[in-house]
N, C-alpha and C. Protein backbone atom coordinates (compact mmCIF):
# COMPACT_ATOMS: atom_id res chain seq x y z
N UNK A 1 0.85 -1.05 0.28
CA UNK A 1 -0.06 -0.08 0.01
C UNK A 1 1.01 1.17 0.06
N UNK A 2 2.04 1.22 0.80
CA UNK A 2 2.65 2.58 0.90
C UNK A 2 3.48 2.82 -0.36
N UNK A 3 3.55 1.96 -1.42
CA UNK A 3 4.05 2.05 -2.65
C UNK A 3 3.18 2.73 -3.71
N UNK A 4 2.01 2.77 -3.37
CA UNK A 4 1.07 3.67 -4.13
C UNK A 4 1.33 5.03 -4.25
N UNK A 5 1.07 5.47 -5.55
CA UNK A 5 1.26 7.11 -5.63
C UNK A 5 0.46 8.02 -4.41
N UNK A 6 0.77 9.21 -4.10
CA UNK A 6 -0.12 9.92 -3.08
C UNK A 6 -1.32 10.01 -3.93
N UNK A 7 -1.62 10.18 -5.35
CA UNK A 7 -2.84 10.56 -5.99
C UNK A 7 -3.61 9.27 -6.22
N UNK A 8 -3.06 8.07 -5.76
CA UNK A 8 -3.90 7.06 -5.87
C UNK A 8 -5.38 6.90 -5.47
N UNK A 9 -6.08 6.36 -6.13
CA UNK A 9 -7.53 6.35 -5.70
C UNK A 9 -8.21 4.80 -5.48
N UNK A 10 -8.95 4.23 -4.49
CA UNK A 10 -9.29 3.21 -4.33
C UNK A 10 -10.10 2.56 -5.39
N UNK A 11 -9.84 1.78 -6.36
CA UNK A 11 -10.58 1.20 -7.68
C UNK A 11 -12.01 0.93 -6.98
N UNK A 12 -12.33 0.69 -5.77
CA UNK A 12 -13.58 0.11 -5.60
C UNK A 12 -14.64 1.12 -4.99
N UNK A 13 -13.79 2.10 -4.07
CA UNK A 13 -14.61 3.22 -3.55
C UNK A 13 -14.25 4.63 -3.81
N UNK A 14 -13.25 4.81 -4.75
CA UNK A 14 -12.94 6.03 -5.12
C UNK A 14 -12.54 6.97 -4.14
N UNK A 15 -11.96 6.33 -2.83
CA UNK A 15 -11.36 7.18 -1.65
C UNK A 15 -9.82 7.10 -1.91
N UNK A 16 -9.39 8.70 -1.84
CA UNK A 16 -8.06 8.83 -2.01
C UNK A 16 -6.82 8.20 -0.98
N UNK A 17 -5.85 7.94 -1.24
CA UNK A 17 -5.06 7.28 -0.21
C UNK A 17 -4.84 7.93 0.98
N UNK A 18 -4.73 9.55 0.67
CA UNK A 18 -4.90 10.33 2.06
C UNK A 18 -5.90 9.77 2.98
N UNK A 19 -7.21 9.83 2.26
CA UNK A 19 -8.17 9.48 3.38
C UNK A 19 -7.91 8.08 4.10
N UNK A 20 -7.47 7.21 3.50
CA UNK A 20 -7.07 5.89 4.07
C UNK A 20 -6.23 6.07 5.27
N UNK A 21 -5.10 7.10 5.12
CA UNK A 21 -4.18 7.42 6.04
C UNK A 21 -5.02 8.13 7.28
N UNK A 22 -6.15 8.69 7.09
CA UNK A 22 -6.91 9.37 8.29
C UNK A 22 -7.64 8.29 9.09
N UNK A 23 -8.38 7.16 8.27
CA UNK A 23 -8.85 6.16 9.10
C UNK A 23 -7.92 5.57 9.72
N UNK A 24 -6.48 4.93 9.29
CA UNK A 24 -5.73 4.32 9.86
C UNK A 24 -5.39 4.83 11.29
N UNK A 25 -5.02 6.17 11.16
CA UNK A 25 -4.49 7.02 12.34
C UNK A 25 -5.17 6.89 13.77
């Protein structure tokens, strides 16, 4: 996951990688 670009979007939900970071934090 960390290897994905910062502008990557989840193909299933369209959520940005930065949004996932917030959820995990």
